[in-house]
Amino acid sequence: MAVQCPHLTYREAGDGASFDGEEFAEPRAFCTVTESFVQPMRADICNARYGLDPETDCEFYVEPEPDSAAASDAEGDDAER
């Protein structure tokens, strides 16, 4: 299970369009996949709270890109078979 979704960030001010660029009292969760602020329950999924998992419980989750070393190793394994 992921500790935190790699697509979740926290912002201290609005985007200008929906929040008039004002600062928030506390940082708010922002999904970089949907390019929008998310509700607290969605942030619970992103942060893998209460047994939730971003990979299986979020319809917007995108697999992180594999690093090039892992991809090279996988290709090498296939070549040997």
N, C-alpha and C. Protein backbone atom coordinates (compact mmCIF):
# COMPACT_ATOMS: atom_id res chain seq x y z
N MET A 1 0.84 -1.18 0.00
CA MET A 1 0.00 0.00 0.00
C MET A 1 0.89 1.24 0.00
N ALA A 2 0.50 2.21 -0.76
CA ALA A 2 1.25 3.46 -0.85
C ALA A 2 1.07 4.26 0.43
N VAL A 3 2.12 4.97 0.85
CA VAL A 3 2.02 5.82 2.03
C VAL A 3 1.22 7.07 1.69
N GLN A 4 1.50 7.66 0.54
CA GLN A 4 0.75 8.83 0.09
C GLN A 4 0.74 8.82 -1.43
N CYS A 5 -0.37 9.22 -2.00
CA CYS A 5 -0.47 9.30 -3.45
C CYS A 5 0.56 10.31 -3.97
N PRO A 6 1.32 9.95 -5.00
CA PRO A 6 2.31 10.89 -5.53
C PRO A 6 1.68 12.08 -6.25
N HIS A 7 0.37 12.05 -6.44
CA HIS A 7 -0.32 13.13 -7.15
C HIS A 7 -1.01 14.12 -6.22
N LEU A 8 -0.81 13.97 -4.90
CA LEU A 8 -1.43 14.86 -3.93
C LEU A 8 -0.42 15.89 -3.45
N THR A 9 -0.82 17.14 -3.51
CA THR A 9 -0.01 18.22 -2.94
C THR A 9 -0.90 19.05 -2.04
N TYR A 10 -0.30 19.92 -1.26
CA TYR A 10 -1.06 20.82 -0.41
C TYR A 10 -0.72 22.25 -0.80
N ARG A 11 -1.74 23.06 -0.96
CA ARG A 11 -1.54 24.46 -1.36
C ARG A 11 -2.11 25.38 -0.29
N GLU A 12 -1.43 26.50 -0.12
CA GLU A 12 -1.85 27.46 0.89
C GLU A 12 -2.67 28.61 0.33
N ALA A 13 -2.84 28.64 -1.00
CA ALA A 13 -3.62 29.70 -1.62
C ALA A 13 -4.40 29.13 -2.79
N GLY A 14 -5.49 29.81 -3.14
CA GLY A 14 -6.32 29.37 -4.25
C GLY A 14 -5.65 29.58 -5.59
N ASP A 15 -6.31 29.10 -6.65
CA ASP A 15 -5.75 29.18 -7.99
C ASP A 15 -6.15 30.45 -8.72
N GLY A 16 -6.86 31.34 -8.05
CA GLY A 16 -7.27 32.59 -8.68
C GLY A 16 -8.63 32.49 -9.33
N ALA A 17 -8.98 31.37 -9.91
CA ALA A 17 -10.26 31.22 -10.59
C ALA A 17 -11.37 30.90 -9.60
N SER A 18 -11.16 29.85 -8.80
CA SER A 18 -12.25 29.43 -7.92
C SER A 18 -12.12 29.98 -6.50
N PHE A 19 -10.96 30.44 -6.11
CA PHE A 19 -10.79 30.93 -4.76
C PHE A 19 -10.24 32.35 -4.72
N ASP A 20 -10.30 33.06 -5.83
CA ASP A 20 -9.87 34.46 -5.92
C ASP A 20 -8.44 34.67 -5.45
N GLY A 21 -7.63 33.62 -5.48
CA GLY A 21 -6.23 33.76 -5.10
C GLY A 21 -5.99 34.02 -3.63
N GLU A 22 -7.04 33.91 -2.82
CA GLU A 22 -6.89 34.18 -1.39
C GLU A 22 -6.15 33.04 -0.70
N GLU A 23 -5.48 33.37 0.40
CA GLU A 23 -4.80 32.36 1.18
C GLU A 23 -5.81 31.62 2.05
N PHE A 24 -5.52 30.34 2.32
CA PHE A 24 -6.38 29.52 3.17
C PHE A 24 -5.88 29.59 4.61
N ALA A 25 -6.77 29.32 5.56
CA ALA A 25 -6.37 29.26 6.96
C ALA A 25 -5.40 28.09 7.18
N GLU A 26 -5.62 26.99 6.45
CA GLU A 26 -4.76 25.81 6.49
C GLU A 26 -4.55 25.34 5.06
N PRO A 27 -3.40 24.70 4.77
CA PRO A 27 -3.19 24.18 3.42
C PRO A 27 -4.29 23.20 3.02
N ARG A 28 -4.70 23.25 1.76
CA ARG A 28 -5.75 22.36 1.26
C ARG A 28 -5.17 21.37 0.28
N ALA A 29 -5.77 20.16 0.27
CA ALA A 29 -5.31 19.09 -0.62
C ALA A 29 -5.66 19.42 -2.07
N PHE A 30 -4.69 19.20 -2.97
CA PHE A 30 -4.84 19.48 -4.39
C PHE A 30 -4.37 18.26 -5.17
N CYS A 31 -5.22 17.77 -6.08
CA CYS A 31 -4.90 16.62 -6.92
C CYS A 31 -4.30 17.11 -8.22
N THR A 32 -3.07 16.68 -8.52
CA THR A 32 -2.41 17.12 -9.75
C THR A 32 -2.91 16.37 -10.97
N VAL A 33 -3.64 15.28 -10.79
CA VAL A 33 -4.22 14.55 -11.93
C VAL A 33 -5.46 15.28 -12.44
N THR A 34 -6.35 15.65 -11.51
CA THR A 34 -7.58 16.34 -11.90
C THR A 34 -7.40 17.85 -11.94
N GLU A 35 -6.24 18.33 -11.45
CA GLU A 35 -5.96 19.77 -11.38
C GLU A 35 -7.05 20.51 -10.61
N SER A 36 -7.42 19.93 -9.45
CA SER A 36 -8.45 20.56 -8.63
C SER A 36 -8.21 20.28 -7.15
N PHE A 37 -8.79 21.13 -6.31
CA PHE A 37 -8.76 20.89 -4.88
C PHE A 37 -9.70 19.74 -4.58
N VAL A 38 -9.35 18.92 -3.59
CA VAL A 38 -10.16 17.75 -3.27
C VAL A 38 -10.75 17.85 -1.88
N GLN A 39 -11.84 17.17 -1.68
CA GLN A 39 -12.51 17.13 -0.39
C GLN A 39 -11.68 16.34 0.61
N PRO A 40 -11.90 16.55 1.92
CA PRO A 40 -11.13 15.81 2.93
C PRO A 40 -11.20 14.29 2.78
N MET A 41 -12.36 13.75 2.39
CA MET A 41 -12.46 12.29 2.22
C MET A 41 -11.55 11.81 1.10
N ARG A 42 -11.47 12.55 0.03
CA ARG A 42 -10.57 12.20 -1.08
C ARG A 42 -9.12 12.24 -0.59
N ALA A 43 -8.78 13.23 0.23
CA ALA A 43 -7.42 13.31 0.78
C ALA A 43 -7.13 12.12 1.68
N ASP A 44 -8.16 11.60 2.38
CA ASP A 44 -7.97 10.39 3.18
C ASP A 44 -7.56 9.22 2.31
N ILE A 45 -8.15 9.10 1.13
CA ILE A 45 -7.76 8.05 0.19
C ILE A 45 -6.32 8.29 -0.25
N CYS A 46 -6.02 9.53 -0.63
CA CYS A 46 -4.67 9.89 -1.10
C CYS A 46 -3.61 9.58 -0.05
N ASN A 47 -3.94 9.78 1.21
CA ASN A 47 -2.99 9.56 2.29
C ASN A 47 -3.07 8.16 2.88
N ALA A 48 -3.84 7.28 2.25
CA ALA A 48 -3.97 5.88 2.67
C ALA A 48 -4.42 5.74 4.12
N ARG A 49 -5.36 6.59 4.52
CA ARG A 49 -5.91 6.50 5.88
C ARG A 49 -7.05 5.49 5.90
N TYR A 50 -7.33 4.98 7.09
CA TYR A 50 -8.47 4.10 7.33
C TYR A 50 -8.45 2.86 6.42
N GLY A 51 -7.28 2.39 6.06
CA GLY A 51 -7.18 1.19 5.24
C GLY A 51 -7.45 1.43 3.77
N LEU A 52 -7.57 2.68 3.36
CA LEU A 52 -7.80 3.02 1.95
C LEU A 52 -6.47 3.02 1.21
N ASP A 53 -6.50 2.70 -0.08
CA ASP A 53 -5.31 2.63 -0.90
C ASP A 53 -5.52 3.41 -2.19
N PRO A 54 -4.69 4.43 -2.46
CA PRO A 54 -4.87 5.22 -3.68
C PRO A 54 -4.90 4.37 -4.95
N GLU A 55 -4.08 3.32 -5.00
CA GLU A 55 -3.99 2.50 -6.20
C GLU A 55 -5.28 1.76 -6.51
N THR A 56 -6.03 1.40 -5.47
CA THR A 56 -7.26 0.62 -5.70
C THR A 56 -8.54 1.39 -5.39
N ASP A 57 -8.47 2.41 -4.55
CA ASP A 57 -9.68 3.11 -4.11
C ASP A 57 -9.92 4.46 -4.79
N CYS A 58 -8.97 4.92 -5.61
CA CYS A 58 -9.13 6.21 -6.28
C CYS A 58 -9.29 6.00 -7.78
N GLU A 59 -10.37 6.55 -8.33
CA GLU A 59 -10.61 6.39 -9.77
C GLU A 59 -9.71 7.28 -10.61
N PHE A 60 -8.97 8.21 -9.99
CA PHE A 60 -8.10 9.11 -10.74
C PHE A 60 -6.63 8.75 -10.64
N TYR A 61 -6.29 7.77 -9.80
CA TYR A 61 -4.89 7.42 -9.57
C TYR A 61 -4.23 6.97 -10.87
N VAL A 62 -3.01 7.42 -11.09
CA VAL A 62 -2.22 7.04 -12.26
C VAL A 62 -0.94 6.39 -11.76
N GLU A 63 -0.60 5.23 -12.31
CA GLU A 63 0.63 4.55 -11.91
C GLU A 63 1.83 5.47 -12.09
N PRO A 64 2.71 5.56 -11.10
CA PRO A 64 3.93 6.33 -11.28
C PRO A 64 4.77 5.71 -12.40
N GLU A 65 5.50 6.53 -13.11
CA GLU A 65 6.37 6.04 -14.17
C GLU A 65 7.46 5.17 -13.54
N PRO A 66 7.73 4.00 -14.12
CA PRO A 66 8.81 3.17 -13.57
C PRO A 66 10.16 3.85 -13.82
N ASP A 67 11.07 3.66 -12.88
CA ASP A 67 12.39 4.25 -13.11
C ASP A 67 13.12 3.47 -14.20
N SER A 68 14.04 4.09 -14.86
CA SER A 68 14.70 3.49 -16.01
C SER A 68 15.49 2.25 -15.64
N ALA A 69 16.04 2.18 -14.43
CA ALA A 69 16.81 1.01 -14.01
C ALA A 69 15.91 -0.21 -13.92
N ALA A 70 14.73 -0.05 -13.33
CA ALA A 70 13.80 -1.17 -13.21
C ALA A 70 13.33 -1.61 -14.58
N ALA A 71 13.09 -0.68 -15.48
CA ALA A 71 12.66 -1.01 -16.83
C ALA A 71 13.76 -1.77 -17.57
N SER A 72 15.00 -1.36 -17.39
CA SER A 72 16.13 -2.05 -18.03
C SER A 72 16.26 -3.46 -17.51
N ASP A 73 16.12 -3.64 -16.20
CA ASP A 73 16.21 -4.97 -15.62
C ASP A 73 15.11 -5.87 -16.15
N ALA A 74 13.90 -5.36 -16.26
CA ALA A 74 12.78 -6.14 -16.75
C ALA A 74 13.01 -6.57 -18.19
N GLU A 75 13.55 -5.67 -19.01
CA GLU A 75 13.84 -6.01 -20.39
C GLU A 75 14.91 -7.08 -20.47
N GLY A 76 15.90 -6.99 -19.60
CA GLY A 76 16.97 -7.99 -19.60
C GLY A 76 16.45 -9.35 -19.22
N ASP A 77 15.51 -9.41 -18.25
CA ASP A 77 14.93 -10.67 -17.84
C ASP A 77 14.17 -11.32 -18.98
N ASP A 78 13.42 -10.51 -19.73
CA ASP A 78 12.65 -11.05 -20.85
C ASP A 78 13.56 -11.58 -21.94
N ALA A 79 14.67 -10.95 -22.15
CA ALA A 79 15.60 -11.37 -23.21
C ALA A 79 16.20 -12.72 -22.91
N GLU A 80 16.34 -13.07 -21.64
CA GLU A 80 16.95 -14.34 -21.24
C GLU A 80 16.00 -15.51 -21.37
N ARG A 81 14.70 -15.26 -21.43
CA ARG A 81 13.72 -16.34 -21.46
C ARG A 81 13.55 -16.93 -22.80
